[in-house]
């Protein structure tokens, strides 16, 4: 019983450390950043992430061109046997340019120790899939993976259930990076 309580406590602390407001990588000025500044930073990271993805993977640019919308999330994950993480991002409808600012959270149990910073990129094949992602949120199931392939140009990522997903770390694109246990939802404050 004590072991379960300790594991649960560590998980809650790890998750609290990773919520977007507590992420060390998020820049802060004297006081809290204004919502406009937060949105501007999210937009900047999203554009940098897309540029990096397109430079590393020609197929990603082709899928982006076919997509009706996209989303990019900047995430931090902490693992100490159990893991927790959080981040923010933006989902964009290409035709209208309308932006929906969102949050993400992740948690799980497994082996691991340390902090991992990464970005996740989604391309949406159709309007229904994009709308559902934004309005209803999205939760990665046990089979959800981000696929790309840094060194293999022949690797083709395609839309699966209306979504193509890429995960980018400091080392580049991840091949079959597990997204299980991750949930995405609207950030009410940034969308006011």
N, C-alpha and C. Protein backbone atom coordinates (compact mmCIF):
# COMPACT_ATOMS: atom_id res chain seq x y z
N UNK A 1 0.83 -1.20 0.00
CA UNK A 1 0.00 0.00 0.00
C UNK A 1 0.86 1.25 0.00
N UNK A 2 1.95 1.25 0.79
CA UNK A 2 2.84 2.41 0.84
C UNK A 2 3.48 2.64 -0.52
N UNK A 3 3.86 1.53 -1.19
CA UNK A 3 4.50 1.66 -2.50
C UNK A 3 3.56 2.32 -3.50
N UNK A 4 2.30 1.95 -3.49
CA UNK A 4 1.31 2.54 -4.39
C UNK A 4 1.16 4.03 -4.10
N UNK A 5 1.14 4.39 -2.83
CA UNK A 5 1.01 5.80 -2.46
C UNK A 5 2.22 6.60 -2.92
N UNK A 6 3.42 6.02 -2.79
CA UNK A 6 4.64 6.70 -3.23
C UNK A 6 4.62 6.88 -4.74
N UNK A 7 4.26 5.83 -5.48
CA UNK A 7 4.20 5.92 -6.94
C UNK A 7 3.19 6.97 -7.37
N UNK A 8 2.03 6.98 -6.74
CA UNK A 8 1.00 7.95 -7.08
C UNK A 8 1.47 9.37 -6.78
N UNK A 9 2.14 9.56 -5.66
CA UNK A 9 2.66 10.89 -5.28
C UNK A 9 3.70 11.36 -6.30
N UNK A 10 4.63 10.47 -6.68
CA UNK A 10 5.65 10.84 -7.66
C UNK A 10 5.01 11.21 -8.99
N UNK A 11 3.99 10.45 -9.40
CA UNK A 11 3.31 10.74 -10.65
C UNK A 11 2.65 12.12 -10.61
N UNK A 12 1.96 12.43 -9.53
CA UNK A 12 1.27 13.71 -9.41
C UNK A 12 2.28 14.85 -9.43
N UNK A 13 3.41 14.68 -8.73
CA UNK A 13 4.44 15.72 -8.71
C UNK A 13 5.03 15.90 -10.10
N UNK A 14 5.33 14.78 -10.78
CA UNK A 14 5.89 14.86 -12.13
C UNK A 14 4.93 15.55 -13.08
N UNK A 15 3.66 15.22 -12.99
CA UNK A 15 2.66 15.85 -13.85
C UNK A 15 2.54 17.34 -13.54
N UNK A 16 2.57 17.69 -12.26
CA UNK A 16 2.48 19.10 -11.88
C UNK A 16 3.67 19.90 -12.40
N UNK A 17 4.83 19.27 -12.41
CA UNK A 17 6.02 19.95 -12.92
C UNK A 17 5.94 20.18 -14.42
N UNK A 18 5.13 19.39 -15.10
CA UNK A 18 5.09 19.46 -16.56
C UNK A 18 3.90 20.20 -17.12
N UNK A 19 2.98 20.65 -16.30
CA UNK A 19 1.87 21.40 -16.86
C UNK A 19 2.43 22.64 -17.52
N UNK A 20 1.81 23.12 -18.57
CA UNK A 20 2.38 24.21 -19.35
C UNK A 20 2.83 25.41 -18.53
N UNK A 21 2.12 25.77 -17.50
CA UNK A 21 2.51 26.92 -16.71
C UNK A 21 3.76 26.69 -15.90
N UNK A 22 4.14 25.41 -15.69
CA UNK A 22 5.29 25.11 -14.87
C UNK A 22 6.49 24.66 -15.70
N UNK A 23 6.35 24.53 -17.00
CA UNK A 23 7.44 24.06 -17.82
C UNK A 23 8.56 25.08 -17.78
N UNK A 24 9.76 24.60 -17.46
CA UNK A 24 10.90 25.49 -17.33
C UNK A 24 11.23 26.15 -18.65
N UNK A 25 11.04 25.43 -19.76
CA UNK A 25 11.42 25.96 -21.06
C UNK A 25 10.55 27.14 -21.48
N UNK A 26 9.38 27.30 -20.88
CA UNK A 26 8.51 28.40 -21.26
C UNK A 26 9.07 29.70 -20.69
N UNK A 27 9.27 30.67 -21.56
CA UNK A 27 9.85 31.93 -21.13
C UNK A 27 8.87 32.72 -20.27
N UNK A 28 9.39 33.35 -19.25
CA UNK A 28 8.57 34.21 -18.41
C UNK A 28 9.27 35.55 -18.26
N UNK A 29 8.50 36.59 -18.23
CA UNK A 29 9.03 37.91 -17.97
C UNK A 29 8.61 38.24 -16.56
N UNK A 30 8.81 39.49 -16.12
CA UNK A 30 8.33 39.86 -14.80
C UNK A 30 6.82 39.70 -14.79
N UNK A 31 6.35 38.80 -13.95
CA UNK A 31 4.92 38.47 -13.95
C UNK A 31 4.61 37.45 -15.02
N UNK A 32 3.36 37.16 -15.22
CA UNK A 32 2.92 36.19 -16.22
C UNK A 32 2.91 36.80 -17.62
N UNK A 33 3.19 35.95 -18.59
CA UNK A 33 3.07 36.39 -19.98
C UNK A 33 1.62 36.70 -20.29
N UNK A 34 1.39 37.69 -21.05
CA UNK A 34 0.03 38.01 -21.50
C UNK A 34 -0.43 36.94 -22.48
N UNK A 35 -1.73 36.75 -22.60
CA UNK A 35 -2.27 35.75 -23.51
C UNK A 35 -1.79 35.97 -24.94
N UNK A 36 -1.71 37.23 -25.39
CA UNK A 36 -1.22 37.51 -26.74
C UNK A 36 0.21 37.02 -26.92
N UNK A 37 1.03 37.21 -25.90
CA UNK A 37 2.42 36.76 -25.96
C UNK A 37 2.49 35.24 -25.99
N UNK A 38 1.62 34.58 -25.23
CA UNK A 38 1.60 33.12 -25.23
C UNK A 38 1.20 32.60 -26.60
N UNK A 39 0.17 33.21 -27.19
CA UNK A 39 -0.26 32.79 -28.52
C UNK A 39 0.86 33.03 -29.55
N UNK A 40 1.53 34.17 -29.46
CA UNK A 40 2.62 34.48 -30.38
C UNK A 40 3.75 33.45 -30.25
N UNK A 41 4.08 33.06 -29.03
CA UNK A 41 5.13 32.07 -28.81
C UNK A 41 4.72 30.70 -29.36
N UNK A 42 3.47 30.32 -29.15
CA UNK A 42 2.96 29.05 -29.68
C UNK A 42 3.04 29.06 -31.20
N UNK A 43 2.62 30.18 -31.82
CA UNK A 43 2.66 30.30 -33.28
C UNK A 43 4.09 30.22 -33.81
N UNK A 44 5.01 30.85 -33.11
CA UNK A 44 6.43 30.85 -33.51
C UNK A 44 7.00 29.43 -33.46
N UNK A 45 6.76 28.72 -32.36
CA UNK A 45 7.25 27.35 -32.21
C UNK A 45 6.62 26.45 -33.28
N UNK A 46 5.33 26.65 -33.56
CA UNK A 46 4.65 25.85 -34.57
C UNK A 46 5.29 26.04 -35.94
N UNK A 47 5.57 27.29 -36.32
CA UNK A 47 6.17 27.55 -37.63
C UNK A 47 7.58 26.97 -37.71
N UNK A 48 8.37 27.14 -36.65
CA UNK A 48 9.73 26.58 -36.62
C UNK A 48 9.69 25.05 -36.73
N UNK A 49 8.72 24.43 -36.07
CA UNK A 49 8.59 22.97 -36.11
C UNK A 49 8.22 22.50 -37.50
N UNK A 50 7.26 23.18 -38.14
CA UNK A 50 6.89 22.81 -39.51
C UNK A 50 8.07 22.97 -40.46
N UNK A 51 8.80 24.08 -40.35
CA UNK A 51 9.96 24.31 -41.20
C UNK A 51 10.99 23.20 -41.03
N UNK A 52 11.24 22.81 -39.79
CA UNK A 52 12.19 21.74 -39.51
C UNK A 52 11.72 20.41 -40.08
N UNK A 53 10.44 20.11 -39.91
CA UNK A 53 9.88 18.87 -40.43
C UNK A 53 10.00 18.81 -41.95
N UNK A 54 9.64 19.89 -42.64
CA UNK A 54 9.69 19.91 -44.10
C UNK A 54 11.13 19.78 -44.61
N UNK A 55 12.09 20.35 -43.88
CA UNK A 55 13.49 20.26 -44.27
C UNK A 55 14.01 18.83 -44.15
N UNK A 56 13.48 18.06 -43.22
CA UNK A 56 13.95 16.70 -42.98
C UNK A 56 13.17 15.63 -43.72
N UNK A 57 11.94 15.92 -44.15
CA UNK A 57 11.11 14.88 -44.71
C UNK A 57 10.23 15.43 -45.82
N UNK A 58 10.58 15.11 -47.06
CA UNK A 58 9.84 15.61 -48.22
C UNK A 58 8.40 15.10 -48.24
N UNK A 59 8.17 13.88 -47.77
CA UNK A 59 6.83 13.32 -47.74
C UNK A 59 5.93 14.13 -46.81
N UNK A 60 6.49 14.67 -45.73
CA UNK A 60 5.70 15.48 -44.80
C UNK A 60 5.14 16.71 -45.50
N UNK A 61 5.94 17.34 -46.33
CA UNK A 61 5.47 18.52 -47.08
C UNK A 61 4.36 18.13 -48.04
N UNK A 62 4.48 16.97 -48.67
CA UNK A 62 3.45 16.49 -49.58
C UNK A 62 2.14 16.24 -48.84
N UNK A 63 2.21 15.63 -47.67
CA UNK A 63 0.99 15.40 -46.88
C UNK A 63 0.40 16.72 -46.39
N UNK A 64 1.27 17.66 -45.99
CA UNK A 64 0.79 18.97 -45.56
C UNK A 64 0.01 19.65 -46.68
N UNK A 65 0.53 19.55 -47.90
CA UNK A 65 -0.14 20.16 -49.04
C UNK A 65 -1.52 19.55 -49.29
N UNK A 66 -1.70 18.27 -48.99
CA UNK A 66 -2.98 17.58 -49.17
C UNK A 66 -3.94 17.82 -48.00
N UNK A 67 -3.39 18.18 -46.85
CA UNK A 67 -4.19 18.33 -45.63
C UNK A 67 -5.07 19.58 -45.68
N UNK A 68 -6.21 19.51 -44.99
CA UNK A 68 -7.06 20.70 -44.89
C UNK A 68 -6.74 21.50 -43.62
N UNK A 69 -5.95 20.89 -42.73
CA UNK A 69 -5.56 21.57 -41.50
C UNK A 69 -4.39 20.87 -40.85
N UNK A 70 -3.84 21.52 -39.83
CA UNK A 70 -2.68 20.97 -39.14
C UNK A 70 -2.68 21.43 -37.69
N UNK A 71 -1.87 20.78 -36.87
CA UNK A 71 -1.67 21.19 -35.47
C UNK A 71 -0.24 20.87 -35.07
N UNK A 72 0.33 21.72 -34.22
CA UNK A 72 1.66 21.48 -33.68
C UNK A 72 1.61 21.72 -32.17
N UNK A 73 2.20 20.78 -31.41
CA UNK A 73 2.26 20.88 -29.96
C UNK A 73 3.70 20.81 -29.50
N UNK A 74 4.06 21.67 -28.56
CA UNK A 74 5.37 21.69 -27.93
C UNK A 74 5.19 21.08 -26.54
N UNK A 75 5.89 19.98 -26.27
CA UNK A 75 5.64 19.19 -25.07
C UNK A 75 6.90 18.94 -24.26
N UNK A 76 6.71 18.74 -22.97
CA UNK A 76 7.77 18.30 -22.08
C UNK A 76 7.23 17.14 -21.27
N UNK A 77 8.04 16.08 -21.18
CA UNK A 77 7.64 14.87 -20.46
C UNK A 77 8.72 14.54 -19.43
N UNK A 78 8.31 14.24 -18.21
CA UNK A 78 9.22 13.86 -17.13
C UNK A 78 8.94 12.41 -16.77
N UNK A 79 10.00 11.60 -16.67
CA UNK A 79 9.83 10.19 -16.32
C UNK A 79 10.72 9.82 -15.14
N UNK A 80 10.12 9.24 -14.13
CA UNK A 80 10.82 8.68 -12.98
C UNK A 80 10.15 7.35 -12.65
N UNK A 81 10.22 6.40 -13.56
CA UNK A 81 9.49 5.14 -13.42
C UNK A 81 8.07 5.29 -13.94
N UNK A 82 7.42 6.34 -13.54
CA UNK A 82 6.14 6.73 -14.13
C UNK A 82 6.39 8.06 -14.83
N UNK A 83 5.56 8.39 -15.77
CA UNK A 83 5.82 9.61 -16.53
C UNK A 83 4.60 10.50 -16.57
N UNK A 84 4.86 11.78 -16.72
CA UNK A 84 3.81 12.76 -16.87
C UNK A 84 4.34 13.93 -17.68
N UNK A 85 3.47 14.60 -18.36
CA UNK A 85 3.94 15.72 -19.16
C UNK A 85 2.81 16.62 -19.59
N UNK A 86 3.18 17.71 -20.21
CA UNK A 86 2.19 18.67 -20.65
C UNK A 86 2.77 19.60 -21.69
N UNK A 87 1.90 20.33 -22.33
CA UNK A 87 2.35 21.28 -23.33
C UNK A 87 1.17 22.03 -23.93
N UNK A 88 1.50 22.87 -24.88
CA UNK A 88 0.50 23.67 -25.59
C UNK A 88 0.76 23.60 -27.07
N UNK A 89 -0.27 23.96 -27.83
CA UNK A 89 -0.12 23.98 -29.27
C UNK A 89 -1.24 24.72 -29.93
N UNK A 90 -1.26 24.64 -31.25
CA UNK A 90 -2.26 25.33 -32.04
C UNK A 90 -2.71 24.41 -33.17
N UNK A 91 -4.01 24.41 -33.43
CA UNK A 91 -4.59 23.70 -34.57
C UNK A 91 -5.10 24.76 -35.54
N UNK A 92 -4.83 24.56 -36.83
CA UNK A 92 -5.14 25.58 -37.83
C UNK A 92 -5.90 24.96 -39.00
N UNK A 93 -7.01 25.61 -39.38
CA UNK A 93 -7.74 25.27 -40.60
C UNK A 93 -7.08 26.06 -41.73
N UNK A 94 -6.53 25.38 -42.72
CA UNK A 94 -5.76 26.06 -43.77
C UNK A 94 -6.61 27.03 -44.59
N UNK A 95 -7.83 26.67 -44.92
CA UNK A 95 -8.66 27.53 -45.78
C UNK A 95 -8.98 28.87 -45.14
N UNK A 96 -9.34 28.85 -43.87
CA UNK A 96 -9.73 30.08 -43.18
C UNK A 96 -8.59 30.72 -42.40
N UNK A 97 -7.58 29.94 -42.06
CA UNK A 97 -6.50 30.43 -41.23
C UNK A 97 -6.88 30.51 -39.76
N UNK A 98 -8.10 30.08 -39.41
CA UNK A 98 -8.57 30.14 -38.03
C UNK A 98 -7.71 29.23 -37.15
N UNK A 99 -7.33 29.78 -35.98
CA UNK A 99 -6.46 29.06 -35.05
C UNK A 99 -7.21 28.72 -33.77
N UNK A 100 -7.01 27.50 -33.30
CA UNK A 100 -7.56 27.05 -32.03
C UNK A 100 -6.37 26.65 -31.16
N UNK A 101 -6.20 27.35 -30.03
CA UNK A 101 -5.10 27.06 -29.12
C UNK A 101 -5.52 25.95 -28.17
N UNK A 102 -4.60 25.00 -27.97
CA UNK A 102 -4.95 23.79 -27.25
C UNK A 102 -3.88 23.43 -26.23
N UNK A 103 -4.26 22.52 -25.33
CA UNK A 103 -3.34 21.96 -24.34
C UNK A 103 -3.22 20.47 -24.59
N UNK A 104 -2.18 19.89 -24.03
CA UNK A 104 -2.04 18.44 -24.06
C UNK A 104 -1.48 17.97 -22.73
N UNK A 105 -1.80 16.75 -22.39
CA UNK A 105 -1.27 16.13 -21.19
C UNK A 105 -1.01 14.66 -21.45
N UNK A 106 -0.02 14.11 -20.79
CA UNK A 106 0.34 12.71 -20.98
C UNK A 106 0.76 12.10 -19.66
N UNK A 107 0.54 10.82 -19.52
CA UNK A 107 0.95 10.11 -18.32
C UNK A 107 1.04 8.64 -18.61
N UNK A 108 1.87 7.95 -17.86
CA UNK A 108 2.01 6.52 -18.06
C UNK A 108 2.93 5.90 -17.04
N UNK A 109 3.02 4.59 -17.10
CA UNK A 109 3.90 3.84 -16.22
C UNK A 109 4.83 3.03 -17.10
N UNK A 110 6.11 3.03 -16.76
CA UNK A 110 7.09 2.28 -17.54
C UNK A 110 8.48 2.65 -17.08
N UNK A 111 9.47 2.12 -17.75
CA UNK A 111 10.84 2.41 -17.39
C UNK A 111 11.24 3.74 -17.99
N UNK A 112 12.00 4.51 -17.26
CA UNK A 112 12.46 5.77 -17.77
C UNK A 112 12.88 6.70 -16.65
N UNK A 113 13.82 7.57 -16.97
CA UNK A 113 14.31 8.53 -16.01
C UNK A 113 14.79 9.74 -16.80
N UNK A 114 14.25 10.90 -16.50
CA UNK A 114 14.72 12.10 -17.15
C UNK A 114 13.61 12.96 -17.73
N UNK A 115 14.02 13.98 -18.48
CA UNK A 115 13.11 14.94 -19.08
C UNK A 115 13.27 14.87 -20.60
N UNK A 116 12.17 14.86 -21.32
CA UNK A 116 12.19 14.80 -22.77
C UNK A 116 11.34 15.93 -23.32
N UNK A 117 11.94 16.77 -24.17
CA UNK A 117 11.22 17.86 -24.83
C UNK A 117 11.03 17.47 -26.29
N UNK A 118 9.82 17.61 -26.78
CA UNK A 118 9.54 17.20 -28.15
C UNK A 118 8.34 17.96 -28.69
N UNK A 119 8.17 17.88 -30.02
CA UNK A 119 7.02 18.48 -30.68
C UNK A 119 6.27 17.36 -31.42
N UNK A 120 4.95 17.50 -31.45
CA UNK A 120 4.11 16.58 -32.21
C UNK A 120 3.37 17.39 -33.26
N UNK A 121 3.39 16.89 -34.51
CA UNK A 121 2.75 17.55 -35.64
C UNK A 121 1.64 16.64 -36.16
N UNK A 122 0.45 17.21 -36.34
CA UNK A 122 -0.69 16.50 -36.90
C UNK A 122 -1.07 17.16 -38.22
N UNK A 123 -1.36 16.34 -39.23
CA UNK A 123 -1.98 16.82 -40.47
C UNK A 123 -3.34 16.16 -40.56
N UNK A 124 -4.38 16.93 -40.91
CA UNK A 124 -5.75 16.43 -40.96
C UNK A 124 -6.20 16.33 -42.40
N UNK A 125 -6.72 15.17 -42.76
CA UNK A 125 -7.11 14.88 -44.14
C UNK A 125 -8.44 15.51 -44.51
N UNK A 126 -9.35 15.66 -43.53
CA UNK A 126 -10.68 16.17 -43.85
C UNK A 126 -11.18 17.08 -42.74
N UNK A 127 -12.19 17.87 -43.08
CA UNK A 127 -12.73 18.86 -42.15
C UNK A 127 -13.33 18.22 -40.90
N UNK A 128 -14.01 17.08 -41.05
CA UNK A 128 -14.63 16.42 -39.90
C UNK A 128 -13.58 16.01 -38.88
N UNK A 129 -12.48 15.44 -39.34
CA UNK A 129 -11.42 14.99 -38.43
C UNK A 129 -10.81 16.18 -37.69
N UNK A 130 -10.55 17.27 -38.41
CA UNK A 130 -10.00 18.48 -37.78
C UNK A 130 -10.99 19.06 -36.77
N UNK A 131 -12.24 19.18 -37.16
CA UNK A 131 -13.27 19.74 -36.26
C UNK A 131 -13.42 18.90 -35.00
N UNK A 132 -13.46 17.58 -35.16
CA UNK A 132 -13.57 16.70 -34.00
C UNK A 132 -12.36 16.82 -33.08
N UNK A 133 -11.17 16.92 -33.67
CA UNK A 133 -9.94 17.08 -32.88
C UNK A 133 -10.03 18.34 -32.03
N UNK A 134 -10.45 19.43 -32.63
CA UNK A 134 -10.51 20.71 -31.92
C UNK A 134 -11.67 20.74 -30.92
N UNK A 135 -12.85 20.38 -31.35
CA UNK A 135 -14.04 20.56 -30.51
C UNK A 135 -14.22 19.46 -29.46
N UNK A 136 -13.84 18.24 -29.79
CA UNK A 136 -14.04 17.13 -28.86
C UNK A 136 -12.76 16.69 -28.17
N UNK A 137 -11.63 17.23 -28.65
CA UNK A 137 -10.36 16.78 -28.12
C UNK A 137 -9.99 15.45 -28.75
N UNK A 138 -8.85 14.96 -28.40
CA UNK A 138 -8.38 13.70 -28.97
C UNK A 138 -7.53 13.00 -27.94
N UNK A 139 -7.71 11.70 -27.83
CA UNK A 139 -6.91 10.91 -26.89
C UNK A 139 -6.25 9.79 -27.66
N UNK A 140 -4.93 9.72 -27.57
CA UNK A 140 -4.19 8.67 -28.24
C UNK A 140 -4.42 7.36 -27.53
N UNK A 141 -4.81 6.34 -28.29
CA UNK A 141 -4.99 5.03 -27.68
C UNK A 141 -3.65 4.28 -27.69
N UNK A 142 -3.67 3.05 -27.24
CA UNK A 142 -2.44 2.27 -27.11
C UNK A 142 -1.72 2.07 -28.43
N UNK A 143 -2.43 2.16 -29.55
CA UNK A 143 -1.80 1.93 -30.85
C UNK A 143 -1.36 3.18 -31.57
N UNK A 144 -1.59 4.35 -31.00
CA UNK A 144 -1.26 5.60 -31.69
C UNK A 144 0.24 5.82 -31.68
N UNK A 145 0.79 6.04 -32.84
CA UNK A 145 2.22 6.30 -32.95
C UNK A 145 2.46 7.46 -33.89
N UNK A 146 3.57 8.12 -33.68
CA UNK A 146 4.02 9.15 -34.60
C UNK A 146 5.04 8.49 -35.51
N UNK A 147 4.89 8.62 -36.80
CA UNK A 147 5.79 7.95 -37.72
C UNK A 147 6.42 8.95 -38.68
N UNK A 148 7.69 8.75 -38.95
CA UNK A 148 8.34 9.61 -39.92
C UNK A 148 9.52 8.89 -40.54
N UNK A 149 10.61 8.75 -39.82
CA UNK A 149 11.80 8.11 -40.36
C UNK A 149 12.82 9.14 -40.79
N UNK A 150 13.78 9.44 -39.93
CA UNK A 150 14.76 10.48 -40.20
C UNK A 150 15.69 10.12 -41.35
N UNK A 151 16.18 8.90 -41.37
CA UNK A 151 17.21 8.53 -42.33
C UNK A 151 16.69 7.72 -43.51
N UNK A 152 15.41 7.48 -43.58
CA UNK A 152 14.88 6.63 -44.64
C UNK A 152 13.88 7.40 -45.48
N UNK A 153 14.33 7.93 -46.60
CA UNK A 153 13.45 8.72 -47.47
C UNK A 153 12.32 7.86 -48.02
N UNK A 154 12.54 6.53 -48.11
CA UNK A 154 11.52 5.67 -48.66
C UNK A 154 10.37 5.43 -47.70
N UNK A 155 10.54 5.75 -46.42
CA UNK A 155 9.47 5.56 -45.45
C UNK A 155 8.34 6.53 -45.77
N UNK A 156 7.15 6.03 -45.93
CA UNK A 156 6.01 6.86 -46.29
C UNK A 156 5.03 6.91 -45.12
N UNK A 157 4.72 8.07 -44.66
CA UNK A 157 3.68 8.26 -43.66
C UNK A 157 2.45 8.70 -44.42
N UNK A 158 1.32 8.13 -44.08
CA UNK A 158 0.08 8.50 -44.73
C UNK A 158 -0.97 8.80 -43.68
N UNK A 159 -2.12 9.27 -44.15
CA UNK A 159 -3.23 9.53 -43.25
C UNK A 159 -3.79 8.19 -42.76
N UNK A 160 -3.98 8.08 -41.46
CA UNK A 160 -4.63 6.92 -40.87
C UNK A 160 -5.79 7.47 -40.05
N UNK A 161 -6.99 7.02 -40.38
CA UNK A 161 -8.20 7.55 -39.76
C UNK A 161 -8.26 9.08 -39.87
N UNK A 162 -7.78 9.62 -40.98
CA UNK A 162 -7.86 11.05 -41.25
C UNK A 162 -6.74 11.89 -40.66
N UNK A 163 -5.75 11.24 -39.99
CA UNK A 163 -4.68 11.99 -39.34
C UNK A 163 -3.32 11.38 -39.71
N UNK A 164 -2.34 12.25 -39.98
CA UNK A 164 -0.93 11.84 -40.10
C UNK A 164 -0.19 12.52 -38.95
N UNK A 165 0.66 11.77 -38.26
CA UNK A 165 1.32 12.28 -37.05
C UNK A 165 2.83 12.12 -37.15
N UNK A 166 3.55 13.18 -36.77
CA UNK A 166 5.01 13.15 -36.69
C UNK A 166 5.42 13.61 -35.29
N UNK A 167 6.49 13.02 -34.75
CA UNK A 167 7.06 13.48 -33.49
C UNK A 167 8.51 13.85 -33.74
N UNK A 168 8.89 15.03 -33.25
CA UNK A 168 10.24 15.54 -33.47
C UNK A 168 10.89 15.80 -32.11
N UNK A 169 12.08 15.23 -31.91
CA UNK A 169 12.85 15.48 -30.69
C UNK A 169 14.09 16.29 -31.08
N UNK A 170 14.95 16.55 -30.11
CA UNK A 170 16.20 17.26 -30.40
C UNK A 170 17.07 16.47 -31.37
N UNK A 171 16.88 15.15 -31.43
CA UNK A 171 17.67 14.30 -32.33
C UNK A 171 17.05 14.20 -33.71
N UNK A 172 15.88 14.77 -33.91
CA UNK A 172 15.22 14.72 -35.21
C UNK A 172 13.92 13.95 -35.16
N UNK A 173 13.45 13.51 -36.31
CA UNK A 173 12.19 12.79 -36.41
C UNK A 173 12.29 11.43 -35.74
N UNK A 174 11.23 11.05 -35.04
CA UNK A 174 11.18 9.75 -34.38
C UNK A 174 10.41 8.78 -35.26
N UNK A 175 10.89 7.57 -35.36
CA UNK A 175 10.19 6.51 -36.08
C UNK A 175 9.36 5.72 -35.09
N UNK A 176 8.05 5.73 -35.26
CA UNK A 176 7.12 4.98 -34.40
C UNK A 176 7.25 5.35 -32.93
N UNK A 177 7.25 6.62 -32.62
CA UNK A 177 7.27 7.07 -31.23
C UNK A 177 5.88 6.91 -30.63
N UNK A 178 5.81 6.31 -29.46
CA UNK A 178 4.53 5.99 -28.83
C UNK A 178 3.87 7.24 -28.26
N UNK A 179 2.61 7.47 -28.60
CA UNK A 179 1.84 8.60 -28.08
C UNK A 179 0.75 8.16 -27.12
N UNK A 180 0.72 6.87 -26.78
CA UNK A 180 -0.35 6.34 -25.92
C UNK A 180 -0.40 7.12 -24.61
N UNK A 181 -1.62 7.31 -24.10
CA UNK A 181 -1.79 8.01 -22.83
C UNK A 181 -1.75 9.51 -22.95
N UNK A 182 -1.86 10.04 -24.17
CA UNK A 182 -1.80 11.49 -24.39
C UNK A 182 -3.18 12.00 -24.79
N UNK A 183 -3.57 13.12 -24.21
CA UNK A 183 -4.87 13.73 -24.50
C UNK A 183 -4.66 15.18 -24.91
N UNK A 184 -5.47 15.64 -25.87
CA UNK A 184 -5.42 17.01 -26.39
C UNK A 184 -6.79 17.64 -26.21
N UNK A 185 -6.82 18.93 -25.79
CA UNK A 185 -8.10 19.62 -25.59
C UNK A 185 -7.91 21.13 -25.75
N UNK A 186 -9.03 21.84 -25.97
CA UNK A 186 -9.00 23.29 -26.14
C UNK A 186 -8.52 24.00 -24.88
N UNK A 187 -7.73 25.05 -25.09
CA UNK A 187 -7.29 25.92 -24.00
C UNK A 187 -8.28 27.08 -23.95
N UNK A 188 -9.26 26.97 -23.06
CA UNK A 188 -10.33 27.98 -23.00
C UNK A 188 -9.80 29.40 -22.82
N UNK A 189 -8.78 29.57 -21.99
CA UNK A 189 -8.25 30.89 -21.71
C UNK A 189 -7.65 31.55 -22.95
N UNK A 190 -6.89 30.78 -23.73
CA UNK A 190 -6.23 31.37 -24.91
C UNK A 190 -7.18 31.52 -26.10
N UNK A 191 -8.36 30.94 -26.02
CA UNK A 191 -9.33 31.06 -27.11
C UNK A 191 -10.45 32.05 -26.80
N UNK A 192 -10.34 32.80 -25.72
CA UNK A 192 -11.39 33.77 -25.36
C UNK A 192 -11.44 34.89 -26.37
